[in-house]
Amino acid sequence: MDNRIVIDPANLRDAARRHAETADYLRTVPSTHDAIQDSLDSLGPIFGELREAARELLEQRRLCYDQQADEHAQMADNLHRSATMWEEHEAQSARRLHAVTDED
């Protein structure tokens, strides 16, 4: 039974890049809120309750997108760190193995 763990740091970095791109995109979504709020504000005083409810929902939506963006950014950082740590571990293991074979 083969118990090796095969990790490709390039795949980790690619996944990190995609998570970073997702975080960047999620941070742009709330920029559409001003246009939505402007549209709601144009409805007039009769829709005051709707306007305030929508304002609260837009704020909740912004917070949700910010949280998701933060989580994707953290995942990207963790994946980059994991790739680097894996490469360092592999290099260190190779040096140790080389040192053992050089002693013989």
PDB file of N, CA and C in Angstrom:
ATOM      1  N   MET A   1       0.842  -1.182   0.000  1.00  0.00           N
ATOM      2  CA  MET A   1       0.000   0.000   0.000  1.00  0.00           C
ATOM      3  C   MET A   1       0.884   1.241   0.000  1.00  0.00           C
ATOM      4  N   ASP A   2       0.613   2.141  -0.905  1.00  0.00           N
ATOM      5  CA  ASP A   2       1.400   3.360  -1.050  1.00  0.00           C
ATOM      6  C   ASP A   2       0.799   4.453  -0.167  1.00  0.00           C
ATOM      7  N   ASN A   3       1.562   4.914   0.816  1.00  0.00           N
ATOM      8  CA  ASN A   3       1.078   5.939   1.746  1.00  0.00           C
ATOM      9  C   ASN A   3       1.689   7.304   1.472  1.00  0.00           C
ATOM     10  N   ARG A   4       2.237   7.480   0.288  1.00  0.00           N
ATOM     11  CA  ARG A   4       2.849   8.765  -0.032  1.00  0.00           C
ATOM     12  C   ARG A   4       1.781   9.848  -0.200  1.00  0.00           C
ATOM     13  N   ILE A   5       2.157  11.025   0.193  1.00  0.00           N
ATOM     14  CA  ILE A   5       1.303  12.192  -0.031  1.00  0.00           C
ATOM     15  C   ILE A   5       1.965  12.987  -1.150  1.00  0.00           C
ATOM     16  N   VAL A   6       1.240  13.183  -2.223  1.00  0.00           N
ATOM     17  CA  VAL A   6       1.784  13.908  -3.362  1.00  0.00           C
ATOM     18  C   VAL A   6       1.111  15.278  -3.418  1.00  0.00           C
ATOM     19  N   ILE A   7       1.924  16.294  -3.265  1.00  0.00           N
ATOM     20  CA  ILE A   7       1.433  17.672  -3.292  1.00  0.00           C
ATOM     21  C   ILE A   7       2.153  18.406  -4.415  1.00  0.00           C
ATOM     22  N   ASP A   8       1.411  19.106  -5.221  1.00  0.00           N
ATOM     23  CA  ASP A   8       2.015  19.926  -6.265  1.00  0.00           C
ATOM     24  C   ASP A   8       1.869  21.391  -5.846  1.00  0.00           C
ATOM     25  N   PRO A   9       2.961  22.017  -5.411  1.00  0.00           N
ATOM     26  CA  PRO A   9       2.884  23.412  -4.974  1.00  0.00           C
ATOM     27  C   PRO A   9       2.319  24.347  -6.045  1.00  0.00           C
ATOM     28  N   ALA A  10       2.543  24.016  -7.308  1.00  0.00           N
ATOM     29  CA  ALA A  10       1.990  24.856  -8.380  1.00  0.00           C
ATOM     30  C   ALA A  10       0.464  24.832  -8.346  1.00  0.00           C
ATOM     31  N   ASN A  11      -0.111  23.666  -8.051  1.00  0.00           N
ATOM     32  CA  ASN A  11      -1.575  23.584  -7.933  1.00  0.00           C
ATOM     33  C   ASN A  11      -2.072  24.398  -6.746  1.00  0.00           C
ATOM     34  N   LEU A  12      -1.331  24.354  -5.641  1.00  0.00           N
ATOM     35  CA  LEU A  12      -1.711  25.153  -4.470  1.00  0.00           C
ATOM     36  C   LEU A  12      -1.670  26.640  -4.806  1.00  0.00           C
ATOM     37  N   ARG A  13      -0.632  27.047  -5.519  1.00  0.00           N
ATOM     38  CA  ARG A  13      -0.511  28.466  -5.885  1.00  0.00           C
ATOM     39  C   ARG A  13      -1.593  28.879  -6.882  1.00  0.00           C
ATOM     40  N   ASP A  14      -1.953  27.976  -7.774  1.00  0.00           N
ATOM     41  CA  ASP A  14      -3.027  28.271  -8.719  1.00  0.00           C
ATOM     42  C   ASP A  14      -4.354  28.434  -7.982  1.00  0.00           C
ATOM     43  N   ALA A  15      -4.609  27.548  -7.040  1.00  0.00           N
ATOM     44  CA  ALA A  15      -5.832  27.674  -6.232  1.00  0.00           C
ATOM     45  C   ALA A  15      -5.802  28.969  -5.426  1.00  0.00           C
ATOM     46  N   ALA A  16      -4.633  29.324  -4.910  1.00  0.00           N
ATOM     47  CA  ALA A  16      -4.494  30.576  -4.160  1.00  0.00           C
ATOM     48  C   ALA A  16      -4.810  31.770  -5.053  1.00  0.00           C
ATOM     49  N   ARG A  17      -4.314  31.734  -6.285  1.00  0.00           N
ATOM     50  CA  ARG A  17      -4.584  32.819  -7.227  1.00  0.00           C
ATOM     51  C   ARG A  17      -6.087  32.954  -7.477  1.00  0.00           C
ATOM     52  N   ARG A  18      -6.761  31.815  -7.655  1.00  0.00           N
ATOM     53  CA  ARG A  18      -8.212  31.863  -7.904  1.00  0.00           C
ATOM     54  C   ARG A  18      -8.967  32.401  -6.687  1.00  0.00           C
ATOM     55  N   HIS A  19      -8.539  32.012  -5.493  1.00  0.00           N
ATOM     56  CA  HIS A  19      -9.185  32.544  -4.284  1.00  0.00           C
ATOM     57  C   HIS A  19      -8.939  34.050  -4.160  1.00  0.00           C
ATOM     58  N   ALA A  20      -7.735  34.494  -4.491  1.00  0.00           N
ATOM     59  CA  ALA A  20      -7.437  35.931  -4.432  1.00  0.00           C
ATOM     60  C   ALA A  20      -8.290  36.697  -5.444  1.00  0.00           C
ATOM     61  N   GLU A  21      -8.440  36.142  -6.644  1.00  0.00           N
ATOM     62  CA  GLU A  21      -9.290  36.780  -7.656  1.00  0.00           C
ATOM     63  C   GLU A  21     -10.740  36.846  -7.180  1.00  0.00           C
ATOM     64  N   THR A  22     -11.198  35.785  -6.560  1.00  0.00           N
ATOM     65  CA  THR A  22     -12.567  35.762  -6.036  1.00  0.00           C
ATOM     66  C   THR A  22     -12.740  36.818  -4.955  1.00  0.00           C
ATOM     67  N   ALA A  23     -11.752  36.929  -4.071  1.00  0.00           N
ATOM     68  CA  ALA A  23     -11.810  37.949  -3.014  1.00  0.00           C
ATOM     69  C   ALA A  23     -11.876  39.340  -3.629  1.00  0.00           C
ATOM     70  N   ASP A  24     -11.050  39.581  -4.639  1.00  0.00           N
ATOM     71  CA  ASP A  24     -11.062  40.894  -5.300  1.00  0.00           C
ATOM     72  C   ASP A  24     -12.424  41.181  -5.922  1.00  0.00           C
ATOM     73  N   TYR A  25     -12.996  40.180  -6.585  1.00  0.00           N
ATOM     74  CA  TYR A  25     -14.305  40.363  -7.201  1.00  0.00           C
ATOM     75  C   TYR A  25     -15.370  40.655  -6.144  1.00  0.00           C
ATOM     76  N   LEU A  26     -15.373  39.865  -5.076  1.00  0.00           N
ATOM     77  CA  LEU A  26     -16.386  40.048  -4.031  1.00  0.00           C
ATOM     78  C   LEU A  26     -16.306  41.439  -3.414  1.00  0.00           C
ATOM     79  N   ARG A  27     -15.118  41.998  -3.353  1.00  0.00           N
ATOM     80  CA  ARG A  27     -14.970  43.347  -2.793  1.00  0.00           C
ATOM     81  C   ARG A  27     -15.557  44.418  -3.718  1.00  0.00           C
ATOM     82  N   THR A  28     -15.722  44.096  -5.004  1.00  0.00           N
ATOM     83  CA  THR A  28     -16.285  45.084  -5.936  1.00  0.00           C
ATOM     84  C   THR A  28     -17.810  45.085  -5.949  1.00  0.00           C
ATOM     85  N   VAL A  29     -18.426  43.991  -5.539  1.00  0.00           N
ATOM     86  CA  VAL A  29     -19.885  43.869  -5.652  1.00  0.00           C
ATOM     87  C   VAL A  29     -20.624  44.984  -4.912  1.00  0.00           C
ATOM     88  N   PRO A  30     -20.239  45.328  -3.680  1.00  0.00           N
ATOM     89  CA  PRO A  30     -20.980  46.392  -2.996  1.00  0.00           C
ATOM     90  C   PRO A  30     -20.925  47.755  -3.696  1.00  0.00           C
ATOM     91  N   SER A  31     -20.038  47.923  -4.663  1.00  0.00           N
ATOM     92  CA  SER A  31     -20.000  49.202  -5.378  1.00  0.00           C
ATOM     93  C   SER A  31     -21.282  49.432  -6.176  1.00  0.00           C
ATOM     94  N   THR A  32     -22.062  48.386  -6.409  1.00  0.00           N
ATOM     95  CA  THR A  32     -23.336  48.532  -7.115  1.00  0.00           C
ATOM     96  C   THR A  32     -24.446  49.020  -6.188  1.00  0.00           C
ATOM     97  N   HIS A  33     -24.183  49.037  -4.907  1.00  0.00           N
ATOM     98  CA  HIS A  33     -25.224  49.396  -3.943  1.00  0.00           C
ATOM     99  C   HIS A  33     -25.682  50.844  -4.083  1.00  0.00           C
ATOM    100  N   ASP A  34     -24.776  51.738  -4.431  1.00  0.00           N
ATOM    101  CA  ASP A  34     -25.170  53.145  -4.569  1.00  0.00           C
ATOM    102  C   ASP A  34     -26.241  53.309  -5.646  1.00  0.00           C
ATOM    103  N   ALA A  35     -26.075  52.619  -6.763  1.00  0.00           N
ATOM    104  CA  ALA A  35     -27.066  52.712  -7.840  1.00  0.00           C
ATOM    105  C   ALA A  35     -28.409  52.146  -7.385  1.00  0.00           C
ATOM    106  N   ILE A  36     -28.361  51.065  -6.644  1.00  0.00           N
ATOM    107  CA  ILE A  36     -29.606  50.474  -6.130  1.00  0.00           C
ATOM    108  C   ILE A  36     -30.267  51.440  -5.153  1.00  0.00           C
ATOM    109  N   GLN A  37     -29.472  52.016  -4.255  1.00  0.00           N
ATOM    110  CA  GLN A  37     -30.021  52.945  -3.274  1.00  0.00           C
ATOM    111  C   GLN A  37     -30.565  54.196  -3.952  1.00  0.00           C
ATOM    112  N   ASP A  38     -29.871  54.703  -4.971  1.00  0.00           N
ATOM    113  CA  ASP A  38     -30.365  55.870  -5.717  1.00  0.00           C
ATOM    114  C   ASP A  38     -31.725  55.572  -6.340  1.00  0.00           C
ATOM    115  N   SER A  39     -31.867  54.381  -6.873  1.00  0.00           N
ATOM    116  CA  SER A  39     -33.141  53.989  -7.473  1.00  0.00           C
ATOM    117  C   SER A  39     -34.247  53.946  -6.417  1.00  0.00           C
ATOM    118  N   LEU A  40     -33.924  53.390  -5.264  1.00  0.00           N
ATOM    119  CA  LEU A  40     -34.909  53.337  -4.181  1.00  0.00           C
ATOM    120  C   LEU A  40     -35.247  54.737  -3.672  1.00  0.00           C
ATOM    121  N   ASP A  41     -34.242  55.588  -3.568  1.00  0.00           N
ATOM    122  CA  ASP A  41     -34.474  56.955  -3.086  1.00  0.00           C
ATOM    123  C   ASP A  41     -35.380  57.744  -4.027  1.00  0.00           C
ATOM    124  N   SER A  42     -35.384  57.392  -5.297  1.00  0.00           N
ATOM    125  CA  SER A  42     -36.201  58.123  -6.268  1.00  0.00           C
ATOM    126  C   SER A  42     -37.684  57.759  -6.186  1.00  0.00           C
ATOM    127  N   LEU A  43     -38.022  56.772  -5.369  1.00  0.00           N
ATOM    128  CA  LEU A  43     -39.412  56.328  -5.292  1.00  0.00           C
ATOM    129  C   LEU A  43     -40.316  57.306  -4.551  1.00  0.00           C
ATOM    130  N   GLY A  44     -39.746  58.184  -3.768  1.00  0.00           N
ATOM    131  CA  GLY A  44     -40.559  59.163  -3.073  1.00  0.00           C
ATOM    132  C   GLY A  44     -40.913  58.741  -1.662  1.00  0.00           C
ATOM    133  N   PRO A  45     -41.608  59.645  -0.933  1.00  0.00           N
ATOM    134  CA  PRO A  45     -41.874  59.429   0.486  1.00  0.00           C
ATOM    135  C   PRO A  45     -42.830  58.269   0.783  1.00  0.00           C
ATOM    136  N   ILE A  46     -43.648  57.902  -0.158  1.00  0.00           N
ATOM    137  CA  ILE A  46     -44.596  56.814   0.086  1.00  0.00           C
ATOM    138  C   ILE A  46     -43.862  55.503   0.370  1.00  0.00           C
ATOM    139  N   PHE A  47     -42.698  55.363  -0.205  1.00  0.00           N
ATOM    140  CA  PHE A  47     -41.930  54.124  -0.070  1.00  0.00           C
ATOM    141  C   PHE A  47     -40.813  54.242   0.962  1.00  0.00           C
ATOM    142  N   GLY A  48     -41.001  55.122   1.941  1.00  0.00           N
ATOM    143  CA  GLY A  48     -39.978  55.348   2.966  1.00  0.00           C
ATOM    144  C   GLY A  48     -39.595  54.092   3.731  1.00  0.00           C
ATOM    145  N   GLU A  49     -40.587  53.302   4.113  1.00  0.00           N
ATOM    146  CA  GLU A  49     -40.287  52.065   4.851  1.00  0.00           C
ATOM    147  C   GLU A  49     -39.512  51.080   3.979  1.00  0.00           C
ATOM    148  N   LEU A  50     -39.920  50.972   2.731  1.00  0.00           N
ATOM    149  CA  LEU A  50     -39.217  50.087   1.801  1.00  0.00           C
ATOM    150  C   LEU A  50     -37.769  50.550   1.634  1.00  0.00           C
ATOM    151  N   ARG A  51     -37.595  51.844   1.499  1.00  0.00           N
ATOM    152  CA  ARG A  51     -36.258  52.416   1.310  1.00  0.00           C
ATOM    153  C   ARG A  51     -35.356  52.080   2.494  1.00  0.00           C
ATOM    154  N   GLU A  52     -35.863  52.251   3.704  1.00  0.00           N
ATOM    155  CA  GLU A  52     -35.057  51.964   4.897  1.00  0.00           C
ATOM    156  C   GLU A  52     -34.768  50.469   5.030  1.00  0.00           C
ATOM    157  N   ALA A  53     -35.762  49.649   4.731  1.00  0.00           N
ATOM    158  CA  ALA A  53     -35.546  48.199   4.786  1.00  0.00           C
ATOM    159  C   ALA A  53     -34.490  47.786   3.763  1.00  0.00           C
ATOM    160  N   ALA A  54     -34.568  48.371   2.582  1.00  0.00           N
ATOM    161  CA  ALA A  54     -33.585  48.054   1.537  1.00  0.00           C
ATOM    162  C   ALA A  54     -32.196  48.534   1.942  1.00  0.00           C
ATOM    163  N   ARG A  55     -32.123  49.690   2.567  1.00  0.00           N
ATOM    164  CA  ARG A  55     -30.827  50.216   3.022  1.00  0.00           C
ATOM    165  C   ARG A  55     -30.192  49.239   4.027  1.00  0.00           C
ATOM    166  N   GLU A  56     -31.002  48.745   4.948  1.00  0.00           N
ATOM    167  CA  GLU A  56     -30.493  47.773   5.929  1.00  0.00           C
ATOM    168  C   GLU A  56     -30.050  46.480   5.245  1.00  0.00           C
ATOM    169  N   LEU A  57     -30.845  46.022   4.289  1.00  0.00           N
ATOM    170  CA  LEU A  57     -30.477  44.795   3.567  1.00  0.00           C
ATOM    171  C   LEU A  57     -29.201  44.983   2.749  1.00  0.00           C
ATOM    172  N   LEU A  58     -29.056  46.146   2.143  1.00  0.00           N
ATOM    173  CA  LEU A  58     -27.830  46.410   1.387  1.00  0.00           C
ATOM    174  C   LEU A  58     -26.610  46.426   2.302  1.00  0.00           C
ATOM    175  N   GLU A  59     -26.775  46.948   3.497  1.00  0.00           N
ATOM    176  CA  GLU A  59     -25.657  46.946   4.452  1.00  0.00           C
ATOM    177  C   GLU A  59     -25.321  45.517   4.876  1.00  0.00           C
ATOM    178  N   GLN A  60     -26.342  44.715   5.135  1.00  0.00           N
ATOM    179  CA  GLN A  60     -26.101  43.305   5.472  1.00  0.00           C
ATOM    180  C   GLN A  60     -25.416  42.585   4.312  1.00  0.00           C
ATOM    181  N   ARG A  61     -25.848  42.896   3.118  1.00  0.00           N
ATOM    182  CA  ARG A  61     -25.248  42.291   1.920  1.00  0.00           C
ATOM    183  C   ARG A  61     -23.778  42.701   1.805  1.00  0.00           C
ATOM    184  N   ARG A  62     -23.487  43.971   2.038  1.00  0.00           N
ATOM    185  CA  ARG A  62     -22.105  44.454   1.977  1.00  0.00           C
ATOM    186  C   ARG A  62     -21.242  43.713   2.989  1.00  0.00           C
ATOM    187  N   LEU A  63     -21.756  43.589   4.215  1.00  0.00           N
ATOM    188  CA  LEU A  63     -21.000  42.882   5.255  1.00  0.00           C
ATOM    189  C   LEU A  63     -20.757  41.423   4.874  1.00  0.00           C
ATOM    190  N   CYS A  64     -21.758  40.795   4.274  1.00  0.00           N
ATOM    191  CA  CYS A  64     -21.626  39.402   3.845  1.00  0.00           C
ATOM    192  C   CYS A  64     -20.553  39.269   2.763  1.00  0.00           C
ATOM    193  N   TYR A  65     -20.588  40.155   1.780  1.00  0.00           N
ATOM    194  CA  TYR A  65     -19.570  40.112   0.725  1.00  0.00           C
ATOM    195  C   TYR A  65     -18.182  40.388   1.293  1.00  0.00           C
ATOM    196  N   ASP A  66     -18.087  41.326   2.207  1.00  0.00           N
ATOM    197  CA  ASP A  66     -16.786  41.614   2.832  1.00  0.00           C
ATOM    198  C   ASP A  66     -16.263  40.394   3.585  1.00  0.00           C
ATOM    199  N   GLN A  67     -17.140  39.726   4.317  1.00  0.00           N
ATOM    200  CA  GLN A  67     -16.724  38.537   5.068  1.00  0.00           C
ATOM    201  C   GLN A  67     -16.266  37.433   4.117  1.00  0.00           C
ATOM    202  N   GLN A  68     -17.027  37.209   3.059  1.00  0.00           N
ATOM    203  CA  GLN A  68     -16.635  36.189   2.086  1.00  0.00           C
ATOM    204  C   GLN A  68     -15.299  36.542   1.433  1.00  0.00           C
ATOM    205  N   ALA A  69     -15.112  37.811   1.109  1.00  0.00           N
ATOM    206  CA  ALA A  69     -13.850  38.244   0.502  1.00  0.00           C
ATOM    207  C   ALA A  69     -12.693  38.012   1.460  1.00  0.00           C
ATOM    208  N   ASP A  70     -12.899  38.344   2.731  1.00  0.00           N
ATOM    209  CA  ASP A  70     -11.847  38.121   3.732  1.00  0.00           C
ATOM    210  C   ASP A  70     -11.497  36.639   3.841  1.00  0.00           C
ATOM    211  N   GLU A  71     -12.512  35.787   3.804  1.00  0.00           N
ATOM    212  CA  GLU A  71     -12.270  34.344   3.912  1.00  0.00           C
ATOM    213  C   GLU A  71     -11.516  33.811   2.694  1.00  0.00           C
ATOM    214  N   HIS A  72     -11.868  34.297   1.514  1.00  0.00           N
ATOM    215  CA  HIS A  72     -11.140  33.876   0.308  1.00  0.00           C
ATOM    216  C   HIS A  72      -9.698  34.392   0.338  1.00  0.00           C
ATOM    217  N   ALA A  73      -9.510  35.612   0.790  1.00  0.00           N
ATOM    218  CA  ALA A  73      -8.152  36.158   0.885  1.00  0.00           C
ATOM    219  C   ALA A  73      -7.321  35.359   1.881  1.00  0.00           C
ATOM    220  N   GLN A  74      -7.925  34.991   2.993  1.00  0.00           N
ATOM    221  CA  GLN A  74      -7.210  34.184   3.987  1.00  0.00           C
ATOM    222  C   GLN A  74      -6.872  32.809   3.414  1.00  0.00           C
ATOM    223  N   MET A  75      -7.794  32.220   2.680  1.00  0.00           N
ATOM    224  CA  MET A  75      -7.526  30.927   2.050  1.00  0.00           C
ATOM    225  C   MET A  75      -6.366  31.056   1.061  1.00  0.00           C
ATOM    226  N   ALA A  76      -6.353  32.129   0.292  1.00  0.00           N
ATOM    227  CA  ALA A  76      -5.253  32.348  -0.657  1.00  0.00           C
ATOM    228  C   ALA A  76      -3.925  32.434   0.080  1.00  0.00           C
ATOM    229  N   ASP A  77      -3.890  33.188   1.167  1.00  0.00           N
ATOM    230  CA  ASP A  77      -2.660  33.298   1.961  1.00  0.00           C
ATOM    231  C   ASP A  77      -2.243  31.938   2.506  1.00  0.00           C
ATOM    232  N   ASN A  78      -3.194  31.186   3.023  1.00  0.00           N
ATOM    233  CA  ASN A  78      -2.885  29.863   3.582  1.00  0.00           C
ATOM    234  C   ASN A  78      -2.366  28.905   2.506  1.00  0.00           C
ATOM    235  N   LEU A  79      -2.940  28.961   1.322  1.00  0.00           N
ATOM    236  CA  LEU A  79      -2.481  28.095   0.242  1.00  0.00           C
ATOM    237  C   LEU A  79      -1.063  28.462  -0.196  1.00  0.00           C
ATOM    238  N   HIS A  80      -0.784  29.761  -0.299  1.00  0.00           N
ATOM    239  CA  HIS A  80       0.586  30.193  -0.625  1.00  0.00           C
ATOM    240  C   HIS A  80       1.560  29.704   0.440  1.00  0.00           C
ATOM    241  N   ARG A  81       1.187  29.890   1.679  1.00  0.00           N
ATOM    242  CA  ARG A  81       2.047  29.472   2.790  1.00  0.00           C
ATOM    243  C   ARG A  81       2.261  27.955   2.767  1.00  0.00           C
ATOM    244  N   SER A  82       1.204  27.214   2.497  1.00  0.00           N
ATOM    245  CA  SER A  82       1.311  25.754   2.434  1.00  0.00           C
ATOM    246  C   SER A  82       2.244  25.313   1.308  1.00  0.00           C
ATOM    247  N   ALA A  83       2.146  25.953   0.166  1.00  0.00           N
ATOM    248  CA  ALA A  83       3.027  25.604  -0.960  1.00  0.00           C
ATOM    249  C   ALA A  83       4.483  25.850  -0.594  1.00  0.00           C
ATOM    250  N   THR A  84       4.747  26.984   0.024  1.00  0.00           N
ATOM    251  CA  THR A  84       6.118  27.303   0.431  1.00  0.00           C
ATOM    252  C   THR A  84       6.611  26.324   1.481  1.00  0.00           C
ATOM    253  N   MET A  85       5.783  26.036   2.465  1.00  0.00           N
ATOM    254  CA  MET A  85       6.171  25.094   3.515  1.00  0.00           C
ATOM    255  C   MET A  85       6.428  23.708   2.929  1.00  0.00           C
ATOM    256  N   TRP A  86       5.615  23.289   1.974  1.00  0.00           N
ATOM    257  CA  TRP A  86       5.804  21.974   1.366  1.00  0.00           C
ATOM    258  C   TRP A  86       7.139  21.919   0.629  1.00  0.00           C
ATOM    259  N   GLU A  87       7.421  22.961  -0.132  1.00  0.00           N
ATOM    260  CA  GLU A  87       8.695  22.994  -0.863  1.00  0.00           C
ATOM    261  C   GLU A  87       9.881  22.986   0.094  1.00  0.00           C
ATOM    262  N   GLU A  88       9.774  23.744   1.177  1.00  0.00           N
ATOM    263  CA  GLU A  88      10.854  23.762   2.167  1.00  0.00           C
ATOM    264  C   GLU A  88      11.018  22.387   2.813  1.00  0.00           C
ATOM    265  N   HIS A  89       9.905  21.748   3.126  1.00  0.00           N
ATOM    266  CA  HIS A  89       9.949  20.411   3.723  1.00  0.00           C
ATOM    267  C   HIS A  89      10.596  19.410   2.756  1.00  0.00           C
ATOM    268  N   GLU A  90      10.200  19.460   1.499  1.00  0.00           N
ATOM    269  CA  GLU A  90      10.766  18.552   0.499  1.00  0.00           C
ATOM    270  C   GLU A  90      12.271  18.784   0.337  1.00  0.00           C
ATOM    271  N   ALA A  91      12.684  20.044   0.306  1.00  0.00           N
ATOM    272  CA  ALA A  91      14.108  20.359   0.166  1.00  0.00           C
ATOM    273  C   ALA A  91      14.887  19.872   1.383  1.00  0.00           C
ATOM    274  N   GLN A  92      14.327  20.094   2.557  1.00  0.00           N
ATOM    275  CA  GLN A  92      14.984  19.649   3.790  1.00  0.00           C
ATOM    276  C   GLN A  92      15.084  18.122   3.825  1.00  0.00           C
ATOM    277  N   SER A  93      14.037  17.442   3.436  1.00  0.00           N
ATOM    278  CA  SER A  93      14.058  15.973   3.401  1.00  0.00           C
ATOM    279  C   SER A  93      15.086  15.469   2.397  1.00  0.00           C
ATOM    280  N   ALA A  94      15.168  16.125   1.256  1.00  0.00           N
ATOM    281  CA  ALA A  94      16.151  15.722   0.247  1.00  0.00           C
ATOM    282  C   ALA A  94      17.570  15.914   0.772  1.00  0.00           C
ATOM    283  N   ARG A  95      17.817  17.018   1.483  1.00  0.00           N
ATOM    284  CA  ARG A  95      19.152  17.252   2.062  1.00  0.00           C
ATOM    285  C   ARG A  95      19.484  16.183   3.088  1.00  0.00           C
ATOM    286  N   ARG A  96      18.524  15.837   3.918  1.00  0.00           N
ATOM    287  CA  ARG A  96      18.754  14.790   4.925  1.00  0.00           C
ATOM    288  C   ARG A  96      19.051  13.447   4.266  1.00  0.00           C
ATOM    289  N   LEU A  97      18.284  13.113   3.260  1.00  0.00           N
ATOM    290  CA  LEU A  97      18.507  11.852   2.558  1.00  0.00           C
ATOM    291  C   LEU A  97      19.873  11.860   1.876  1.00  0.00           C
ATOM    292  N   HIS A  98      20.210  12.968   1.275  1.00  0.00           N
ATOM    293  CA  HIS A  98      21.511  13.091   0.613  1.00  0.00           C
ATOM    294  C   HIS A  98      22.632  12.955   1.638  1.00  0.00           C
ATOM    295  N   ALA A  99      22.455  13.532   2.817  1.00  0.00           N
ATOM    296  CA  ALA A  99      23.471  13.440   3.873  1.00  0.00           C
ATOM    297  C   ALA A  99      23.650  11.995   4.323  1.00  0.00           C
ATOM    298  N   VAL A 100      22.573  11.244   4.403  1.00  0.00           N
ATOM    299  CA  VAL A 100      22.650   9.837   4.808  1.00  0.00           C
ATOM    300  C   VAL A 100      23.396   9.032   3.748  1.00  0.00           C
ATOM    301  N   THR A 101      23.082   9.261   2.495  1.00  0.00           N
ATOM    302  CA  THR A 101      23.738   8.494   1.427  1.00  0.00           C
ATOM    303  C   THR A 101      25.191   8.896   1.258  1.00  0.00           C
ATOM    304  N   ASP A 102      25.546  10.134   1.595  1.00  0.00           N
ATOM    305  CA  ASP A 102      26.939  10.581   1.510  1.00  0.00           C
ATOM    306  C   ASP A 102      27.795   9.978   2.602  1.00  0.00           C
ATOM    307  N   GLU A 103      27.176   9.604   3.718  1.00  0.00           N
ATOM    308  CA  GLU A 103      27.931   9.041   4.839  1.00  0.00           C
ATOM    309  C   GLU A 103      28.415   7.635   4.536  1.00  0.00           C
ATOM    310  N   ASP A 104      27.758   6.934   3.642  1.00  0.00           N
ATOM    311  CA  ASP A 104      28.139   5.539   3.349  1.00  0.00           C
ATOM    312  C   ASP A 104      29.335   5.453   2.507  1.00  0.00           C
TER     313      ASP A 104
END
